[in-house]
Amino acid sequence: MKTLAALAVLALAGCAKSAPAAGKSVTIENACNEPDGTQVRVTGQLDARKGLLSFCSSYGGKKTCDLALSAPGQPEQQLKLSVPVGDDPGEMAELPKNFSDEDIVVHMPGGATASPGAKVTVDGKLSVAPTANASQPKVCWINVEWAAP
């Protein structure tokens, strides 16, 4: 019976999500200058603007919610994050219907968590929306794959 239990633990450990290869290190203010689809790594302060967070979706079969990263000391400079809902690092806890900032929890490696105001580093794929003309500012976001303190 001990052997069966040990095999079950090993099987579960083998399924655990691991960190992806580090993406290109970019700053919040320069992220939208990278090409669409670039794997990036960005560090900033986790932000939960109510206007952004109120948008959660199951588009594409996986539920995600929108958060943001703010540049240190510059809360007006933000980069949108599309964070999957789940229990692995880089995923966030399911939100109750009527939530507060205390309910917003992003899972980190080793069982740690981060809430709004915490400094985090995220890895993921950058999505850049096309603009009508070059004079318009680009709109972009990161599809989060991993997060760490």
C-alpha atoms as a PDB file:
ATOM      1  CA  MET A   1       0.000   0.000   0.000  1.00  0.00           C
ATOM      2  CA  LYS A   2       2.915   2.374   0.723  1.00  0.00           C
ATOM      3  CA  THR A   3       4.240   1.800  -2.783  1.00  0.00           C
ATOM      4  CA  LEU A   4       0.876   2.707  -4.303  1.00  0.00           C
ATOM      5  CA  ALA A   5       0.701   5.910  -2.241  1.00  0.00           C
ATOM      6  CA  ALA A   6       4.261   6.846  -3.227  1.00  0.00           C
ATOM      7  CA  LEU A   7       3.459   6.311  -6.901  1.00  0.00           C
ATOM      8  CA  ALA A   8       0.371   8.518  -6.593  1.00  0.00           C
ATOM      9  CA  VAL A   9       2.439  11.323  -5.025  1.00  0.00           C
ATOM     10  CA  LEU A  10       5.056  11.036  -7.767  1.00  0.00           C
ATOM     11  CA  ALA A  11       2.377  11.094 -10.469  1.00  0.00           C
ATOM     12  CA  LEU A  12       0.833  14.249  -9.012  1.00  0.00           C
ATOM     13  CA  ALA A  13       4.237  15.893  -8.676  1.00  0.00           C
ATOM     14  CA  GLY A  14       4.946  15.098 -12.315  1.00  0.00           C
ATOM     15  CA  CYS A  15       1.784  16.972 -13.313  1.00  0.00           C
ATOM     16  CA  ALA A  16       2.704  20.144 -11.425  1.00  0.00           C
ATOM     17  CA  LYS A  17       3.094  23.228 -13.559  1.00  0.00           C
ATOM     18  CA  SER A  18       6.689  24.350 -13.958  1.00  0.00           C
ATOM     19  CA  ALA A  19       8.139  27.726 -14.883  1.00  0.00           C
ATOM     20  CA  PRO A  20       8.395  28.425 -18.611  1.00  0.00           C
ATOM     21  CA  ALA A  21      11.653  29.586 -20.146  1.00  0.00           C
ATOM     22  CA  ALA A  22      12.202  33.242 -19.251  1.00  0.00           C
ATOM     23  CA  GLY A  23      10.806  35.593 -21.845  1.00  0.00           C
ATOM     24  CA  LYS A  24      12.448  38.773 -23.094  1.00  0.00           C
ATOM     25  CA  SER A  25      12.792  41.167 -20.170  1.00  0.00           C
ATOM     26  CA  VAL A  26      10.804  44.332 -20.926  1.00  0.00           C
ATOM     27  CA  THR A  27       9.533  47.297 -18.949  1.00  0.00           C
ATOM     28  CA  ILE A  28       5.874  48.140 -18.523  1.00  0.00           C
ATOM     29  CA  GLU A  29       6.223  51.337 -20.521  1.00  0.00           C
ATOM     30  CA  ASN A  30       7.976  49.589 -23.455  1.00  0.00           C
ATOM     31  CA  ALA A  31       6.050  46.301 -23.584  1.00  0.00           C
ATOM     32  CA  CYS A  32       3.671  47.404 -26.372  1.00  0.00           C
ATOM     33  CA  ASN A  33       6.662  48.139 -28.629  1.00  0.00           C
ATOM     34  CA  GLU A  34       7.446  44.415 -28.865  1.00  0.00           C
ATOM     35  CA  PRO A  35       5.970  42.294 -31.676  1.00  0.00           C
ATOM     36  CA  ASP A  36       2.714  40.423 -31.112  1.00  0.00           C
ATOM     37  CA  GLY A  37       3.357  36.913 -29.772  1.00  0.00           C
ATOM     38  CA  THR A  38       6.678  37.730 -28.062  1.00  0.00           C
ATOM     39  CA  GLN A  39       7.397  35.779 -24.873  1.00  0.00           C
ATOM     40  CA  VAL A  40       8.084  38.465 -22.260  1.00  0.00           C
ATOM     41  CA  ARG A  41       9.018  38.857 -18.600  1.00  0.00           C
ATOM     42  CA  VAL A  42       7.806  41.987 -16.796  1.00  0.00           C
ATOM     43  CA  THR A  43       8.130  43.098 -13.170  1.00  0.00           C
ATOM     44  CA  GLY A  44       5.802  45.527 -11.467  1.00  0.00           C
ATOM     45  CA  GLN A  45       3.243  46.060  -8.766  1.00  0.00           C
ATOM     46  CA  LEU A  46       0.133  43.898  -9.011  1.00  0.00           C
ATOM     47  CA  ASP A  47      -2.905  46.104  -9.433  1.00  0.00           C
ATOM     48  CA  ALA A  48      -6.598  45.347  -9.265  1.00  0.00           C
ATOM     49  CA  ARG A  49      -8.381  48.236 -10.877  1.00  0.00           C
ATOM     50  CA  LYS A  50     -12.068  47.567 -10.459  1.00  0.00           C
ATOM     51  CA  GLY A  51     -12.806  48.568 -14.039  1.00  0.00           C
ATOM     52  CA  LEU A  52     -10.358  45.986 -15.344  1.00  0.00           C
ATOM     53  CA  LEU A  53     -11.085  43.242 -12.856  1.00  0.00           C
ATOM     54  CA  SER A  54     -14.795  43.289 -13.503  1.00  0.00           C
ATOM     55  CA  PHE A  55     -14.002  41.559 -16.789  1.00  0.00           C
ATOM     56  CA  CYS A  56     -13.641  37.812 -16.464  1.00  0.00           C
ATOM     57  CA  SER A  57     -14.283  35.541 -19.402  1.00  0.00           C
ATOM     58  CA  SER A  58     -14.267  31.893 -20.424  1.00  0.00           C
ATOM     59  CA  TYR A  59     -13.442  32.716 -24.041  1.00  0.00           C
ATOM     60  CA  GLY A  60     -11.304  29.964 -25.538  1.00  0.00           C
ATOM     61  CA  GLY A  61     -12.371  27.391 -22.941  1.00  0.00           C
ATOM     62  CA  LYS A  62     -10.225  28.659 -20.048  1.00  0.00           C
ATOM     63  CA  LYS A  63     -11.517  31.238 -17.574  1.00  0.00           C
ATOM     64  CA  THR A  64      -9.315  34.320 -17.252  1.00  0.00           C
ATOM     65  CA  CYS A  65      -9.637  37.627 -15.414  1.00  0.00           C
ATOM     66  CA  ASP A  66      -7.977  40.956 -16.106  1.00  0.00           C
ATOM     67  CA  LEU A  67      -5.501  42.448 -13.654  1.00  0.00           C
ATOM     68  CA  ALA A  68      -2.693  44.934 -14.261  1.00  0.00           C
ATOM     69  CA  LEU A  69       0.952  45.578 -13.465  1.00  0.00           C
ATOM     70  CA  SER A  70       1.901  49.124 -12.499  1.00  0.00           C
ATOM     71  CA  ALA A  71       5.331  50.652 -12.924  1.00  0.00           C
ATOM     72  CA  PRO A  72       6.963  51.212  -9.497  1.00  0.00           C
ATOM     73  CA  GLY A  73       6.056  54.688  -8.250  1.00  0.00           C
ATOM     74  CA  GLN A  74       4.001  55.355 -11.405  1.00  0.00           C
ATOM     75  CA  PRO A  75       0.519  53.844 -10.910  1.00  0.00           C
ATOM     76  CA  GLU A  76      -0.745  55.578 -14.059  1.00  0.00           C
ATOM     77  CA  GLN A  77       1.620  53.428 -16.191  1.00  0.00           C
ATOM     78  CA  GLN A  78      -0.086  50.064 -16.356  1.00  0.00           C
ATOM     79  CA  LEU A  79       0.087  46.931 -18.436  1.00  0.00           C
ATOM     80  CA  LYS A  80      -2.986  44.729 -18.643  1.00  0.00           C
ATOM     81  CA  LEU A  81      -2.648  41.090 -17.592  1.00  0.00           C
ATOM     82  CA  SER A  82      -4.947  38.265 -18.644  1.00  0.00           C
ATOM     83  CA  VAL A  83      -4.622  35.830 -15.725  1.00  0.00           C
ATOM     84  CA  PRO A  84      -6.016  32.284 -15.872  1.00  0.00           C
ATOM     85  CA  VAL A  85      -8.181  31.113 -12.967  1.00  0.00           C
ATOM     86  CA  GLY A  86      -6.786  28.074 -11.151  1.00  0.00           C
ATOM     87  CA  ASP A  87      -4.449  26.909  -8.407  1.00  0.00           C
ATOM     88  CA  ASP A  88      -1.046  26.801 -10.136  1.00  0.00           C
ATOM     89  CA  PRO A  89       1.645  29.514 -10.121  1.00  0.00           C
ATOM     90  CA  GLY A  90       0.589  32.320 -12.457  1.00  0.00           C
ATOM     91  CA  GLU A  91      -3.093  31.572 -11.929  1.00  0.00           C
ATOM     92  CA  MET A  92      -5.537  33.385  -9.677  1.00  0.00           C
ATOM     93  CA  ALA A  93      -8.145  32.132  -7.239  1.00  0.00           C
ATOM     94  CA  GLU A  94     -11.766  32.068  -8.353  1.00  0.00           C
ATOM     95  CA  LEU A  95     -13.494  35.272  -7.282  1.00  0.00           C
ATOM     96  CA  PRO A  96     -16.756  35.263  -5.333  1.00  0.00           C
ATOM     97  CA  LYS A  97     -19.692  37.136  -6.868  1.00  0.00           C
ATOM     98  CA  ASN A  98     -19.244  40.166  -4.576  1.00  0.00           C
ATOM     99  CA  PHE A  99     -15.491  40.409  -4.084  1.00  0.00           C
ATOM    100  CA  SER A 100     -13.079  42.851  -2.487  1.00  0.00           C
ATOM    101  CA  ASP A 101      -9.331  43.370  -2.956  1.00  0.00           C
ATOM    102  CA  GLU A 102      -8.721  40.791  -0.199  1.00  0.00           C
ATOM    103  CA  ASP A 103     -10.285  38.106  -2.431  1.00  0.00           C
ATOM    104  CA  ILE A 104      -7.806  38.744  -5.256  1.00  0.00           C
ATOM    105  CA  VAL A 105      -5.047  36.163  -4.893  1.00  0.00           C
ATOM    106  CA  VAL A 106      -2.460  35.180  -7.506  1.00  0.00           C
ATOM    107  CA  HIS A 107      -0.675  31.896  -6.842  1.00  0.00           C
ATOM    108  CA  MET A 108       3.147  31.846  -6.763  1.00  0.00           C
ATOM    109  CA  PRO A 109       5.643  28.950  -6.621  1.00  0.00           C
ATOM    110  CA  GLY A 110       5.982  27.063  -3.343  1.00  0.00           C
ATOM    111  CA  GLY A 111       2.450  27.870  -2.187  1.00  0.00           C
ATOM    112  CA  ALA A 112       3.077  31.613  -1.824  1.00  0.00           C
ATOM    113  CA  THR A 113       0.457  34.121  -2.987  1.00  0.00           C
ATOM    114  CA  ALA A 114       0.375  37.744  -4.085  1.00  0.00           C
ATOM    115  CA  SER A 115      -2.394  40.306  -3.690  1.00  0.00           C
ATOM    116  CA  PRO A 116      -2.820  43.837  -5.035  1.00  0.00           C
ATOM    117  CA  GLY A 117       0.178  45.986  -4.098  1.00  0.00           C
ATOM    118  CA  ALA A 118       2.689  43.111  -4.179  1.00  0.00           C
ATOM    119  CA  LYS A 119       5.752  43.228  -6.424  1.00  0.00           C
ATOM    120  CA  VAL A 120       5.581  40.364  -8.922  1.00  0.00           C
ATOM    121  CA  THR A 121       7.351  39.159 -12.049  1.00  0.00           C
ATOM    122  CA  VAL A 122       5.183  37.604 -14.734  1.00  0.00           C
ATOM    123  CA  ASP A 123       6.075  35.563 -17.774  1.00  0.00           C
ATOM    124  CA  GLY A 124       3.733  35.166 -20.704  1.00  0.00           C
ATOM    125  CA  LYS A 125       2.906  35.817 -24.308  1.00  0.00           C
ATOM    126  CA  LEU A 126       2.362  39.410 -25.388  1.00  0.00           C
ATOM    127  CA  SER A 127      -0.720  40.230 -27.439  1.00  0.00           C
ATOM    128  CA  VAL A 128      -0.643  43.495 -29.372  1.00  0.00           C
ATOM    129  CA  ALA A 129      -3.885  44.742 -30.922  1.00  0.00           C
ATOM    130  CA  PRO A 130      -3.611  46.398 -34.329  1.00  0.00           C
ATOM    131  CA  THR A 131      -4.390  50.115 -34.499  1.00  0.00           C
ATOM    132  CA  ALA A 132      -6.174  52.028 -37.242  1.00  0.00           C
ATOM    133  CA  ASN A 133      -3.126  54.220 -37.838  1.00  0.00           C
ATOM    134  CA  ALA A 134       0.407  54.621 -36.553  1.00  0.00           C
ATOM    135  CA  SER A 135      -0.434  57.783 -34.569  1.00  0.00           C
ATOM    136  CA  GLN A 136      -2.723  55.866 -32.201  1.00  0.00           C
ATOM    137  CA  PRO A 137      -1.175  54.327 -29.095  1.00  0.00           C
ATOM    138  CA  LYS A 138      -0.858  50.552 -29.207  1.00  0.00           C
ATOM    139  CA  VAL A 139      -2.989  48.411 -26.937  1.00  0.00           C
ATOM    140  CA  CYS A 140      -1.380  45.286 -25.532  1.00  0.00           C
ATOM    141  CA  TRP A 141      -1.651  42.754 -22.727  1.00  0.00           C
ATOM    142  CA  ILE A 142       0.183  39.723 -21.389  1.00  0.00           C
ATOM    143  CA  ASN A 143      -1.437  36.294 -21.346  1.00  0.00           C
ATOM    144  CA  VAL A 144       0.118  35.210 -18.043  1.00  0.00           C
ATOM    145  CA  GLU A 145       1.764  31.777 -17.926  1.00  0.00           C
ATOM    146  CA  TRP A 146       3.763  32.151 -14.678  1.00  0.00           C
ATOM    147  CA  ALA A 147       4.153  34.555 -11.785  1.00  0.00           C
ATOM    148  CA  ALA A 148       6.763  34.763  -9.045  1.00  0.00           C
ATOM    149  CA  PRO A 149       7.602  37.215  -6.251  1.00  0.00           C
END
